[in-house]
């Protein structure tokens, strides 16, 4: 039998993931996917037709929304939230 507290914890985590994933814009998802592919920020900018500064802004925004502090952590957290898949 599963304890009620375990069920509550799982539901809470699911809601948190849904909330965080819902805050990520379509453009941020594009940047995120390219980051996960290993593309450097200048190349992401070129491919998306945006400035390098804008790419950096998207990466900072992703870090803030996903509550992490590095590019690698953004990718890891995004995979946990199924925002990107292998």
N, C-alpha and C. Protein backbone atom coordinates (compact mmCIF):
# COMPACT_ATOMS: atom_id res chain seq x y z
N UNK A 1 0.83 -1.17 0.00
CA UNK A 1 0.00 0.00 0.00
C UNK A 1 0.89 1.25 0.00
N UNK A 2 0.49 2.23 -0.76
CA UNK A 2 1.23 3.47 -0.83
C UNK A 2 0.70 4.43 0.23
N UNK A 3 1.64 5.01 0.94
CA UNK A 3 1.28 5.95 2.01
C UNK A 3 0.68 7.23 1.42
N UNK A 4 -0.31 7.81 2.08
CA UNK A 4 -0.89 9.08 1.61
C UNK A 4 0.15 10.19 1.46
N UNK A 5 1.14 10.22 2.34
CA UNK A 5 2.16 11.26 2.26
C UNK A 5 3.01 11.10 1.00
N UNK A 6 3.24 9.86 0.58
CA UNK A 6 3.99 9.61 -0.65
C UNK A 6 3.19 10.08 -1.86
N UNK A 7 1.92 9.80 -1.86
CA UNK A 7 1.04 10.24 -2.95
C UNK A 7 1.02 11.76 -3.01
N UNK A 8 0.91 12.40 -1.87
CA UNK A 8 0.88 13.87 -1.82
C UNK A 8 2.19 14.45 -2.35
N UNK A 9 3.31 13.84 -2.00
CA UNK A 9 4.61 14.29 -2.49
C UNK A 9 4.70 14.16 -4.00
N UNK A 10 4.26 13.04 -4.54
CA UNK A 10 4.30 12.82 -5.99
C UNK A 10 3.41 13.81 -6.73
N UNK A 11 2.24 14.06 -6.20
CA UNK A 11 1.32 15.03 -6.82
C UNK A 11 1.93 16.43 -6.78
N UNK A 12 2.54 16.78 -5.67
CA UNK A 12 3.19 18.08 -5.54
C UNK A 12 4.31 18.25 -6.55
N UNK A 13 5.12 17.22 -6.73
CA UNK A 13 6.21 17.28 -7.71
C UNK A 13 5.67 17.41 -9.13
N UNK A 14 4.62 16.69 -9.42
CA UNK A 14 4.00 16.76 -10.75
C UNK A 14 3.47 18.16 -11.03
N UNK A 15 2.83 18.75 -10.07
CA UNK A 15 2.30 20.11 -10.24
C UNK A 15 3.44 21.11 -10.44
N UNK A 16 4.53 20.94 -9.69
CA UNK A 16 5.68 21.83 -9.82
C UNK A 16 6.28 21.72 -11.22
N UNK A 17 6.42 20.50 -11.71
CA UNK A 17 6.97 20.29 -13.06
C UNK A 17 6.07 20.92 -14.11
N UNK A 18 4.78 20.73 -13.98
CA UNK A 18 3.83 21.29 -14.93
C UNK A 18 3.90 22.82 -14.91
N UNK A 19 3.97 23.39 -13.73
CA UNK A 19 4.05 24.84 -13.58
C UNK A 19 5.33 25.37 -14.23
N UNK A 20 6.47 24.77 -13.91
CA UNK A 20 7.74 25.25 -14.46
C UNK A 20 7.78 25.08 -15.97
N UNK A 21 7.33 23.95 -16.47
CA UNK A 21 7.34 23.70 -17.91
C UNK A 21 6.43 24.67 -18.65
N UNK A 22 5.32 25.03 -18.05
CA UNK A 22 4.37 25.93 -18.68
C UNK A 22 4.87 27.36 -18.78
N UNK A 23 5.87 27.71 -18.03
CA UNK A 23 6.42 29.06 -18.05
C UNK A 23 7.44 29.26 -19.16
N UNK A 24 7.89 28.20 -19.79
CA UNK A 24 8.93 28.28 -20.82
C UNK A 24 8.28 28.59 -22.17
N UNK A 25 8.74 29.67 -22.80
CA UNK A 25 8.17 30.09 -24.09
C UNK A 25 8.64 29.19 -25.23
N UNK A 26 7.98 29.30 -26.36
CA UNK A 26 8.34 28.52 -27.54
C UNK A 26 9.76 28.84 -27.98
N UNK A 27 10.14 30.12 -27.97
CA UNK A 27 11.50 30.51 -28.37
C UNK A 27 12.53 29.96 -27.39
N UNK A 28 12.21 30.01 -26.11
CA UNK A 28 13.13 29.45 -25.11
C UNK A 28 13.31 27.95 -25.33
N UNK A 29 12.24 27.29 -25.73
CA UNK A 29 12.36 25.85 -26.01
C UNK A 29 13.28 25.59 -27.20
N UNK A 30 13.22 26.47 -28.20
CA UNK A 30 14.11 26.34 -29.36
C UNK A 30 15.57 26.49 -28.91
N UNK A 31 15.82 27.52 -28.12
CA UNK A 31 17.17 27.75 -27.61
C UNK A 31 17.61 26.55 -26.78
N UNK A 32 16.74 26.08 -25.93
CA UNK A 32 17.03 24.95 -25.06
C UNK A 32 17.38 23.70 -25.86
N UNK A 33 16.61 23.42 -26.89
CA UNK A 33 16.88 22.24 -27.71
C UNK A 33 18.26 22.33 -28.36
N UNK A 34 18.61 23.51 -28.85
CA UNK A 34 19.92 23.69 -29.48
C UNK A 34 21.05 23.61 -28.46
N UNK A 35 20.81 24.13 -27.26
CA UNK A 35 21.80 24.00 -26.19
C UNK A 35 22.05 22.53 -25.89
N UNK A 36 20.97 21.75 -25.82
CA UNK A 36 21.08 20.33 -25.52
C UNK A 36 21.82 19.58 -26.62
N UNK A 37 21.75 20.10 -27.84
CA UNK A 37 22.49 19.49 -28.96
C UNK A 37 23.97 19.86 -28.92
N UNK A 38 24.33 20.77 -28.01
CA UNK A 38 25.72 21.15 -27.85
C UNK A 38 26.14 22.35 -28.66
N UNK A 39 25.18 23.06 -29.26
CA UNK A 39 25.54 24.23 -30.06
C UNK A 39 25.95 25.39 -29.15
N UNK A 40 27.00 26.10 -29.53
CA UNK A 40 27.39 27.28 -28.75
C UNK A 40 26.40 28.42 -28.99
N UNK A 41 26.33 29.34 -28.05
CA UNK A 41 25.38 30.44 -28.13
C UNK A 41 25.49 31.25 -29.42
N UNK A 42 26.69 31.58 -29.92
CA UNK A 42 26.76 32.34 -31.17
C UNK A 42 26.12 31.59 -32.35
N UNK A 43 26.28 30.28 -32.38
CA UNK A 43 25.68 29.49 -33.46
C UNK A 43 24.16 29.43 -33.30
N UNK A 44 23.68 29.33 -32.08
CA UNK A 44 22.24 29.35 -31.84
C UNK A 44 21.67 30.67 -32.35
N UNK A 45 22.35 31.76 -32.06
CA UNK A 45 21.91 33.07 -32.51
C UNK A 45 21.80 33.12 -34.04
N UNK A 46 22.82 32.61 -34.70
CA UNK A 46 22.83 32.62 -36.17
C UNK A 46 21.69 31.78 -36.73
N UNK A 47 21.52 30.58 -36.20
CA UNK A 47 20.48 29.69 -36.71
C UNK A 47 19.08 30.24 -36.49
N UNK A 48 18.88 30.95 -35.38
CA UNK A 48 17.55 31.49 -35.07
C UNK A 48 17.36 32.91 -35.62
N UNK A 49 18.42 33.48 -36.14
CA UNK A 49 18.32 34.83 -36.68
C UNK A 49 18.10 35.90 -35.62
N UNK A 50 18.69 35.66 -34.45
CA UNK A 50 18.59 36.61 -33.35
C UNK A 50 20.00 36.96 -32.89
N UNK A 51 20.12 37.96 -32.05
CA UNK A 51 21.45 38.37 -31.59
C UNK A 51 21.96 37.42 -30.51
N UNK A 52 23.27 37.42 -30.37
CA UNK A 52 23.92 36.65 -29.31
C UNK A 52 23.40 37.10 -27.95
N UNK A 53 23.21 38.40 -27.79
CA UNK A 53 22.69 38.96 -26.54
C UNK A 53 21.30 38.41 -26.22
N UNK A 54 20.48 38.26 -27.24
CA UNK A 54 19.13 37.71 -27.04
C UNK A 54 19.20 36.25 -26.61
N UNK A 55 20.11 35.50 -27.19
CA UNK A 55 20.29 34.10 -26.78
C UNK A 55 20.67 34.05 -25.31
N UNK A 56 21.60 34.90 -24.91
CA UNK A 56 22.02 34.94 -23.50
C UNK A 56 20.85 35.31 -22.59
N UNK A 57 20.01 36.22 -23.05
CA UNK A 57 18.82 36.59 -22.27
C UNK A 57 17.89 35.40 -22.11
N UNK A 58 17.69 34.65 -23.19
CA UNK A 58 16.84 33.45 -23.11
C UNK A 58 17.42 32.42 -22.13
N UNK A 59 18.73 32.26 -22.16
CA UNK A 59 19.37 31.29 -21.26
C UNK A 59 19.22 31.73 -19.81
N UNK A 60 19.41 33.01 -19.55
CA UNK A 60 19.21 33.53 -18.18
C UNK A 60 17.76 33.34 -17.74
N UNK A 61 16.85 33.62 -18.65
CA UNK A 61 15.43 33.46 -18.34
C UNK A 61 15.09 32.00 -18.02
N UNK A 62 15.65 31.10 -18.82
CA UNK A 62 15.44 29.67 -18.57
C UNK A 62 15.96 29.28 -17.19
N UNK A 63 17.15 29.77 -16.85
CA UNK A 63 17.71 29.47 -15.53
C UNK A 63 16.82 29.96 -14.42
N UNK A 64 16.29 31.15 -14.60
CA UNK A 64 15.40 31.72 -13.59
C UNK A 64 14.10 30.91 -13.48
N UNK A 65 13.51 30.61 -14.61
CA UNK A 65 12.24 29.88 -14.62
C UNK A 65 12.38 28.46 -14.08
N UNK A 66 13.53 27.84 -14.37
CA UNK A 66 13.74 26.46 -13.93
C UNK A 66 14.47 26.40 -12.59
N UNK A 67 14.78 27.58 -12.05
CA UNK A 67 15.39 27.69 -10.72
C UNK A 67 16.73 26.99 -10.63
N UNK A 68 17.59 27.23 -11.64
CA UNK A 68 18.95 26.71 -11.65
C UNK A 68 19.90 27.83 -12.05
N UNK A 69 21.21 27.58 -11.93
CA UNK A 69 22.16 28.67 -12.08
C UNK A 69 23.27 28.44 -13.11
N UNK A 70 23.14 27.46 -13.97
CA UNK A 70 24.15 27.27 -15.00
C UNK A 70 23.49 26.69 -16.26
N UNK A 71 24.20 26.82 -17.37
CA UNK A 71 23.66 26.29 -18.63
C UNK A 71 23.48 24.77 -18.53
N UNK A 72 24.44 24.09 -17.95
CA UNK A 72 24.33 22.64 -17.81
C UNK A 72 23.14 22.27 -16.94
N UNK A 73 22.95 23.00 -15.85
CA UNK A 73 21.82 22.73 -14.96
C UNK A 73 20.49 22.98 -15.67
N UNK A 74 20.45 23.97 -16.56
CA UNK A 74 19.24 24.22 -17.34
C UNK A 74 18.91 22.99 -18.18
N UNK A 75 19.91 22.44 -18.83
CA UNK A 75 19.68 21.27 -19.68
C UNK A 75 19.23 20.07 -18.86
N UNK A 76 19.90 19.84 -17.74
CA UNK A 76 19.54 18.71 -16.88
C UNK A 76 18.11 18.86 -16.38
N UNK A 77 17.77 20.04 -15.87
CA UNK A 77 16.42 20.27 -15.34
C UNK A 77 15.37 20.15 -16.45
N UNK A 78 15.69 20.65 -17.63
CA UNK A 78 14.76 20.56 -18.75
C UNK A 78 14.50 19.11 -19.13
N UNK A 79 15.51 18.29 -19.05
CA UNK A 79 15.33 16.86 -19.33
C UNK A 79 14.45 16.21 -18.26
N UNK A 80 14.66 16.60 -17.02
CA UNK A 80 13.83 16.07 -15.94
C UNK A 80 12.37 16.43 -16.13
N UNK A 81 12.14 17.63 -16.66
CA UNK A 81 10.77 18.11 -16.89
C UNK A 81 10.22 17.66 -18.24
N UNK A 82 11.00 16.91 -18.99
CA UNK A 82 10.61 16.43 -20.32
C UNK A 82 10.38 17.58 -21.30
N UNK A 83 11.10 18.69 -21.10
CA UNK A 83 11.03 19.79 -22.06
C UNK A 83 11.87 19.46 -23.30
N UNK A 84 12.87 18.63 -23.10
CA UNK A 84 13.68 18.11 -24.20
C UNK A 84 13.85 16.62 -23.98
N UNK A 85 13.92 15.90 -25.05
CA UNK A 85 14.12 14.46 -24.96
C UNK A 85 15.33 14.08 -25.78
N UNK A 86 15.95 12.99 -25.42
CA UNK A 86 17.15 12.52 -26.14
C UNK A 86 16.79 11.99 -27.51
